[in-house]
Amino acid sequence: FGSFDLVLVDLSETVTSLSVTEELDILGALALLVKPEGIILKNEVYFEPFTSMFKYSVMVNWYDNPIICSQVMAMASNTVDFLNPTLKDNDVETLFLKPLKEIDNPFEFYHDYAKNTTSRPVCYKSGSDESSKQERSPGILLILEAENTSINLEDVDALKDILTSALEEEKLTVVSTVIAQSVGSRAFVSIILQEGYIVARTVPEHNYCGFDIHFWSSFHKQEGVKGALITAVKGEKKASSAFRLIAGGMFGKSTWEDDEKRRGPGSTEGCDTTVDDVAYKAKQVSINKAFAEMTMLVDGSELKTLVLCGDDMTTCKSNSDVLKEKDNIGQVVNVGCPMMKDYNEFSEDAKDILDSCKDHLEKNLSMSLDKDGAFNIVVIDSTANKFITSALLRVIRTARDKYEILEKGKFIFLSAMADKSDEWRW
């Protein structure tokens, strides 16, 4: 994870949306593979998902495709700004793109571009939800091929001793070993471990030894075992290859809690990265200042402003303070619904609590309206969720005359969508 310069994804929407863990889908897991200075490319329209995951994103359209009319691809990166690229000829043969020296317009195929200052870094922390009960037990099968070995693979007994010694050096517990002859001088060496099992398949005439390394615990040792086995058979690391598969596991291992914490992508860079207050939401200070400037859209002075807060009125103070600094603002009134704390829309008393919120807002608004008249500006603070906002809208909608609450021809609603979870604010 976090080691690839380029990740090319050619998957259907169905596969891309499959879950890897409770927190990650396939696309999120693939995003973790990219280096900070790397690029991910996905076929089809994935511009929007990338804008929430990476700092820079672009969508490319290839028109007049002879088979499917047009092809869309999305690219994203946390470092590479696609609007200010440093193009380099990597001497790769292409079928469609012209040689670099013949390209007059590098943006010819661009359709959309975004610099995403509010992008949320892809994050995964194993074991974030610790449980006292083992609910799953996947295993990991590592297929390793050791090429150009220089050890005598025909001496199977000696090979068994070399391999078990190498595994014990890696702090694995060997339970038993089995040797089985195959065709000619070829053989299988099976090693049963507390942590799983390993099967070595020898092909002496080709100086080849393949390994099936199936672990159901202590997965973090698998990488060390891979290197130890290549060294044990004196294979060339550059000529060797490996890949992993999710396989069956085993319940009841004493190390399962530690394994649960270690399982999954190993990168937590996105989880620990904070840039001021922008890790998962836009800077609230910037939003508040933007709201204050947008009040100038309403003509007049001594404007009356309503700020809808969440379940804690103190969280609105920063927004109110910025608004009060504007010369055109005469009064700022904060309202909220403290009874909405820990609100569950599926609970039996959900409707009663929401009705109580509406009544509470109606009472507070009525007191302010009687004293100082209608509002010119309504600000939906970021702390106000969609349920509290819906209660306010019900108050306005069910009023005998909405212009008793909002000054006719002289009012504006302000709300900001900090991330995709705020789409309801539109």
Foldseek 3Di string as FASTA:
>chain_A
DQPDQEAEDEDDPVQQQPAPDPQDGNVLQSLNPHHQNHKYKYWDPCQQVQLQAEQKKWKFKDAPDVPPRIIIMMMGHNHAHPVDHDDDQPPDDDDPDDGPVPDPDPCPGTDDIDRRLQHAHRFDFFCPPADPDDDAFKKKKKKKKFFPFDAQVLPVVVLLVLLVVLVVVLVWAWDDWDKAADPDSWIWIWTQTLFGIKIWTDDRVRLMIMITDMGRDPVVSVVVSNVSSSVSRRGDPVPMDMDMDIHHHDPDRPCVSVRRRCDDDPDRPLVPDDDPPRNNFDPLLVQLLVLLVCLVVFDAAQAEEEEEAELDQVVCVSSVVNNVVDRRHNYYHYDYQVLCVVQDCPDPCNVVSLVVLLVRVLVVLVVCCVPPWAGAEYEYRPRHDPSSVVSVVCSLVPDPHNCRHHPPPGHDYDYDDGGPVRPVVD
